[in-house]
Amino acid sequence: MMRNCIRLDLECAAICSAAAQLMSMGSSVAARVCAICAEVCEACAEECSKHDEAHCKECAEACRACAAECRKMAA
């Protein structure tokens, strides 16, 4: 039941880490990675919001906030 949620959590953590590293390096591809990061964060938020556990609700909220910031970076 939680398999997809956990998979998306791990993918989200990985892309967020990569985006942060690339931004800190001033990478020329950081904006494109941030755009992808926003997509992954939104997918993670959507999946986590389907579950009633408090940690899933918190994760969904954090992922939505991250997606909004990533969209700003990608613009």
Protein backbone atom coordinates (compact mmCIF):
# COMPACT_ATOMS: atom_id res chain seq x y z
CA MET A 1 0.00 0.00 0.00
CA MET A 2 2.82 2.41 0.81
CA ARG A 3 5.28 1.08 -1.78
CA ASN A 4 4.69 3.86 -4.30
CA CYS A 5 4.75 6.49 -1.57
CA ILE A 6 8.11 5.29 -0.26
CA ARG A 7 9.55 5.06 -3.80
CA LEU A 8 8.48 8.63 -4.53
CA ASP A 9 9.89 9.82 -1.18
CA LEU A 10 13.28 8.35 -2.11
CA GLU A 11 13.18 9.78 -5.64
CA CYS A 12 12.19 13.17 -4.27
CA ALA A 13 15.03 13.15 -1.74
CA ALA A 14 17.52 12.22 -4.47
CA ILE A 15 16.46 14.91 -6.93
CA CYS A 16 16.25 17.55 -4.19
CA SER A 17 19.78 16.73 -3.12
CA ALA A 18 21.03 16.90 -6.70
CA ALA A 19 19.26 20.21 -7.31
CA ALA A 20 20.71 21.73 -4.13
CA GLN A 21 24.22 20.59 -5.04
CA LEU A 22 23.96 21.96 -8.58
CA MET A 23 22.59 25.30 -7.37
CA SER A 24 25.39 25.62 -4.83
CA MET A 25 27.91 25.01 -7.61
CA GLY A 26 26.34 27.62 -9.86
CA SER A 27 25.75 24.93 -12.47
CA SER A 28 24.39 25.93 -15.86
CA VAL A 29 21.91 23.02 -15.67
CA ALA A 30 20.57 23.82 -12.19
CA ALA A 31 17.44 25.55 -13.50
CA ARG A 32 16.51 22.55 -15.65
CA VAL A 33 17.10 20.17 -12.76
CA CYS A 34 14.95 22.41 -10.55
CA ALA A 35 12.12 22.14 -13.07
CA ILE A 36 12.33 18.34 -12.89
CA CYS A 37 12.61 18.54 -9.12
CA ALA A 38 9.33 20.49 -8.99
CA GLU A 39 7.61 17.75 -10.99
CA VAL A 40 8.92 15.00 -8.72
CA CYS A 41 8.00 16.97 -5.59
CA GLU A 42 4.45 17.46 -6.87
CA ALA A 43 4.10 13.75 -7.62
CA CYS A 44 5.39 12.92 -4.16
CA ALA A 45 3.01 15.42 -2.54
CA GLU A 46 0.07 14.00 -4.46
CA GLU A 47 0.88 10.45 -3.39
CA CYS A 48 1.60 11.35 0.24
CA SER A 49 -1.63 13.32 0.55
CA LYS A 50 -3.57 10.10 -0.15
CA HIS A 51 -2.50 8.67 3.21
CA ASP A 52 -3.86 9.57 6.65
CA GLU A 53 -0.59 9.27 8.57
CA ALA A 54 0.67 12.55 10.03
CA HIS A 55 4.13 12.10 8.54
CA CYS A 56 2.60 11.69 5.08
CA LYS A 57 0.61 14.92 5.47
CA GLU A 58 3.78 16.73 6.62
CA CYS A 59 5.73 15.30 3.69
CA ALA A 60 3.04 16.42 1.22
CA GLU A 61 3.15 19.95 2.64
CA ALA A 62 6.96 20.08 2.48
CA CYS A 63 6.98 18.73 -1.07
CA ARG A 64 4.49 21.34 -2.24
CA ALA A 65 6.60 24.09 -0.70
CA CYS A 66 9.73 22.67 -2.31
CA ALA A 67 8.00 22.43 -5.70
CA ALA A 68 6.99 26.09 -5.48
CA GLU A 69 10.56 27.17 -4.70
CA CYS A 70 11.97 24.95 -7.45
CA ARG A 71 9.60 26.55 -9.97
CA LYS A 72 10.95 29.95 -8.93
CA MET A 73 14.51 28.73 -9.46
CA ALA A 74 13.61 27.24 -12.83
CA ALA A 75 11.99 30.44 -14.11
